[in-house]
Amino acid sequence: MVSDLEIWLAANLLIREHGDDAEIVAARRVDEMLERGESDEEIVWLRIRRAIMGMQAAPTGKPN
């Protein structure tokens, strides 16, 4: 099982390497895993994609 920390580290690395395209890169990996029938890896990449989306989301709420 891949830990949450590993997911966040992978997401951070993809953001550093691909910037705004990191989510697209992760989505492509999800599609590749789906095509290969590798459901465990697909789930990992879905988690990474979600983490990227969270990291890149605009802040909400009032500023401090």
N, C-alpha and C. Protein backbone atom coordinates (compact mmCIF):
# COMPACT_ATOMS: atom_id res chain seq x y z
N MET A 1 0.84 -1.18 0.00
CA MET A 1 0.00 0.00 0.00
C MET A 1 0.89 1.25 0.00
N VAL A 2 0.49 2.21 -0.76
CA VAL A 2 1.23 3.47 -0.87
C VAL A 2 0.69 4.44 0.18
N SER A 3 1.60 4.99 0.97
CA SER A 3 1.18 5.90 2.05
C SER A 3 0.75 7.26 1.49
N ASP A 4 0.02 7.99 2.33
CA ASP A 4 -0.38 9.35 1.95
C ASP A 4 0.84 10.23 1.73
N LEU A 5 1.87 10.05 2.55
CA LEU A 5 3.09 10.83 2.39
C LEU A 5 3.72 10.59 1.03
N GLU A 6 3.77 9.34 0.60
CA GLU A 6 4.34 9.03 -0.71
C GLU A 6 3.52 9.65 -1.84
N ILE A 7 2.20 9.67 -1.67
CA ILE A 7 1.33 10.29 -2.68
C ILE A 7 1.64 11.78 -2.77
N TRP A 8 1.72 12.46 -1.61
CA TRP A 8 1.99 13.90 -1.61
C TRP A 8 3.38 14.21 -2.16
N LEU A 9 4.36 13.35 -1.85
CA LEU A 9 5.71 13.56 -2.39
C LEU A 9 5.71 13.41 -3.91
N ALA A 10 5.00 12.40 -4.41
CA ALA A 10 4.92 12.20 -5.85
C ALA A 10 4.20 13.37 -6.53
N ALA A 11 3.13 13.83 -5.91
CA ALA A 11 2.39 14.97 -6.47
C ALA A 11 3.27 16.21 -6.50
N ASN A 12 3.99 16.45 -5.43
CA ASN A 12 4.88 17.61 -5.36
C ASN A 12 5.96 17.52 -6.44
N LEU A 13 6.51 16.35 -6.64
CA LEU A 13 7.54 16.16 -7.66
C LEU A 13 6.98 16.43 -9.06
N LEU A 14 5.79 15.93 -9.33
CA LEU A 14 5.17 16.18 -10.64
C LEU A 14 4.90 17.67 -10.85
N ILE A 15 4.48 18.35 -9.81
CA ILE A 15 4.24 19.79 -9.93
C ILE A 15 5.54 20.52 -10.21
N ARG A 16 6.62 20.12 -9.53
CA ARG A 16 7.91 20.76 -9.78
C ARG A 16 8.41 20.50 -11.20
N GLU A 17 8.18 19.29 -11.70
CA GLU A 17 8.67 18.93 -13.02
C GLU A 17 7.78 19.46 -14.16
N HIS A 18 6.46 19.50 -13.93
CA HIS A 18 5.53 19.80 -15.02
C HIS A 18 4.70 21.06 -14.80
N GLY A 19 4.82 21.67 -13.63
CA GLY A 19 4.08 22.90 -13.36
C GLY A 19 2.58 22.72 -13.50
N ASP A 20 1.96 23.63 -14.24
CA ASP A 20 0.50 23.60 -14.41
C ASP A 20 0.01 22.36 -15.15
N ASP A 21 0.91 21.67 -15.85
CA ASP A 21 0.53 20.47 -16.60
C ASP A 21 0.58 19.20 -15.76
N ALA A 22 0.94 19.30 -14.49
CA ALA A 22 1.10 18.12 -13.64
C ALA A 22 -0.18 17.29 -13.57
N GLU A 23 -1.31 17.94 -13.45
CA GLU A 23 -2.57 17.18 -13.39
C GLU A 23 -2.81 16.42 -14.69
N ILE A 24 -2.49 17.03 -15.81
CA ILE A 24 -2.67 16.37 -17.11
C ILE A 24 -1.76 15.15 -17.20
N VAL A 25 -0.52 15.30 -16.75
CA VAL A 25 0.43 14.19 -16.77
C VAL A 25 -0.11 13.03 -15.92
N ALA A 26 -0.60 13.35 -14.74
CA ALA A 26 -1.16 12.31 -13.86
C ALA A 26 -2.39 11.66 -14.49
N ALA A 27 -3.24 12.46 -15.12
CA ALA A 27 -4.45 11.92 -15.77
C ALA A 27 -4.07 10.96 -16.90
N ARG A 28 -3.03 11.28 -17.62
CA ARG A 28 -2.56 10.38 -18.69
C ARG A 28 -2.09 9.05 -18.11
N ARG A 29 -1.39 9.12 -16.97
CA ARG A 29 -0.93 7.89 -16.33
C ARG A 29 -2.12 7.06 -15.86
N VAL A 30 -3.17 7.71 -15.36
CA VAL A 30 -4.38 6.99 -14.97
C VAL A 30 -4.94 6.24 -16.18
N ASP A 31 -5.03 6.94 -17.31
CA ASP A 31 -5.55 6.31 -18.53
C ASP A 31 -4.68 5.14 -18.97
N GLU A 32 -3.36 5.30 -18.89
CA GLU A 32 -2.45 4.21 -19.27
C GLU A 32 -2.67 2.98 -18.40
N MET A 33 -2.81 3.20 -17.10
CA MET A 33 -3.01 2.08 -16.18
C MET A 33 -4.37 1.41 -16.44
N LEU A 34 -5.37 2.21 -16.75
CA LEU A 34 -6.70 1.67 -17.07
C LEU A 34 -6.63 0.79 -18.31
N GLU A 35 -5.92 1.27 -19.34
CA GLU A 35 -5.79 0.51 -20.58
C GLU A 35 -5.04 -0.80 -20.36
N ARG A 36 -4.07 -0.79 -19.47
CA ARG A 36 -3.27 -1.99 -19.17
C ARG A 36 -3.99 -2.95 -18.23
N GLY A 37 -5.06 -2.47 -17.62
CA GLY A 37 -5.79 -3.30 -16.67
C GLY A 37 -5.10 -3.40 -15.32
N GLU A 38 -4.27 -2.42 -15.00
CA GLU A 38 -3.54 -2.41 -13.74
C GLU A 38 -4.29 -1.53 -12.74
N SER A 39 -5.29 -2.13 -12.11
CA SER A 39 -6.18 -1.35 -11.25
C SER A 39 -5.48 -0.79 -10.02
N ASP A 40 -4.54 -1.52 -9.43
CA ASP A 40 -3.84 -1.00 -8.25
C ASP A 40 -3.04 0.26 -8.60
N GLU A 41 -2.34 0.23 -9.70
CA GLU A 41 -1.57 1.39 -10.13
C GLU A 41 -2.48 2.54 -10.54
N GLU A 42 -3.61 2.20 -11.13
CA GLU A 42 -4.59 3.23 -11.50
C GLU A 42 -5.06 3.99 -10.26
N ILE A 43 -5.33 3.26 -9.20
CA ILE A 43 -5.78 3.89 -7.96
C ILE A 43 -4.70 4.81 -7.40
N VAL A 44 -3.45 4.38 -7.46
CA VAL A 44 -2.35 5.22 -6.98
C VAL A 44 -2.30 6.51 -7.77
N TRP A 45 -2.38 6.41 -9.09
CA TRP A 45 -2.32 7.62 -9.92
C TRP A 45 -3.55 8.50 -9.73
N LEU A 46 -4.69 7.91 -9.45
CA LEU A 46 -5.88 8.73 -9.13
C LEU A 46 -5.64 9.52 -7.85
N ARG A 47 -5.02 8.88 -6.86
CA ARG A 47 -4.72 9.57 -5.61
C ARG A 47 -3.72 10.70 -5.85
N ILE A 48 -2.71 10.44 -6.68
CA ILE A 48 -1.72 11.47 -6.99
C ILE A 48 -2.39 12.63 -7.70
N ARG A 49 -3.26 12.32 -8.65
CA ARG A 49 -3.97 13.39 -9.38
C ARG A 49 -4.80 14.23 -8.43
N ARG A 50 -5.51 13.58 -7.51
CA ARG A 50 -6.31 14.32 -6.54
C ARG A 50 -5.45 15.21 -5.66
N ALA A 51 -4.29 14.71 -5.27
CA ALA A 51 -3.38 15.51 -4.45
C ALA A 51 -2.89 16.72 -5.23
N ILE A 52 -2.58 16.54 -6.50
CA ILE A 52 -2.14 17.66 -7.35
C ILE A 52 -3.25 18.70 -7.43
N MET A 53 -4.46 18.24 -7.64
CA MET A 53 -5.59 19.16 -7.75
C MET A 53 -5.73 19.97 -6.45
N GLY A 54 -5.56 19.31 -5.32
CA GLY A 54 -5.65 20.00 -4.05
C GLY A 54 -4.54 21.01 -3.86
N MET A 55 -3.34 20.65 -4.27
CA MET A 55 -2.20 21.55 -4.12
C MET A 55 -2.29 22.76 -5.03
N GLN A 56 -2.89 22.57 -6.20
CA GLN A 56 -2.96 23.65 -7.18
C GLN A 56 -4.25 24.46 -7.08
N ALA A 57 -5.17 24.04 -6.22
CA ALA A 57 -6.45 24.74 -6.10
C ALA A 57 -6.23 26.14 -5.50
N ALA A 58 -7.05 27.05 -5.96
CA ALA A 58 -6.99 28.41 -5.42
C ALA A 58 -7.44 28.38 -3.96
N PRO A 59 -6.80 29.16 -3.12
CA PRO A 59 -7.22 29.20 -1.72
C PRO A 59 -8.65 29.68 -1.57
N THR A 60 -9.33 29.15 -0.58
CA THR A 60 -10.70 29.57 -0.31
C THR A 60 -10.77 30.20 1.08
N GLY A 61 -11.77 30.97 1.30
CA GLY A 61 -11.96 31.59 2.61
C GLY A 61 -11.27 32.95 2.70
N LYS A 62 -11.36 33.50 3.87
CA LYS A 62 -10.80 34.83 4.10
C LYS A 62 -9.29 34.73 4.34
N PRO A 63 -8.52 35.68 3.84
CA PRO A 63 -7.10 35.66 4.14
C PRO A 63 -6.87 36.02 5.62
N ASN A 64 -5.80 35.55 6.16
CA ASN A 64 -5.50 35.83 7.58
C ASN A 64 -5.09 37.25 7.78
